Amino acid sequence: MKHAHRTWVLAAGALVVVMLAAAVEAAAPPPPAPPPGPKPPAAAEAVSVAVLGIRATKESKPQTDPALQSVADELRMTKFNSFRLIVSDTRQVRVGGGMDVSLVEDYALHVEVEKASPESTQIVLVWMRVEKDAQGKPQARPLKRVQMTIRKGKFFLSGGWELKDGAALFGAVAVK
């Protein structure tokens, strides 16, 4: 009986030692972190893409929507004299990703971000129009594809698609 008691004490002692060792390991401070290395800039991961949809007309009394001041100079170079903002959409887009913006009369703009740097961004701009196929199902048809590098904060104006009422549709894209 004494022997069994000793075994129990040894077993209990071993158990206490094991539990104590585990508690010491858990309470030990974590190893020091490796020195910080260079991290890619956050701008390279995602950029802010702004898309403006613009309705352009010829009017006897020219007007430009105040929200279009950032592209007013480019708009004045078109054959139109009045401009109204119809869509404004700004989103964070990851490099390698894209965004779609619906405009009017089944037109849409697709913007893909290919590369980004602190000064400029390489994008692909695709004008799309949704049309019905032979079975009557809507299908997006690409109308124009433009690959470009634009400076951050500067708008690129594209389009001039004729709308049903004789107005024109433009799109302006900027990366911020």
Foldseek 3Di string as FASTA:
>chain_A
DVVVVVVVVVVVVVVVVVVVVVVCVVPDDDDDDDPDDDDDDPVFFKWKKKKWKKKFAADPDFAEDPVCPLCVVVVVPDPTRHIDTQDIDIDIATAQGWDKAAGPQQKIKIKHWHGDDQFKTKIKIWIWGWDADPVGDTDIDTDDIDIDIDTAPHWDKDWQPADPVRITIIMIMHID
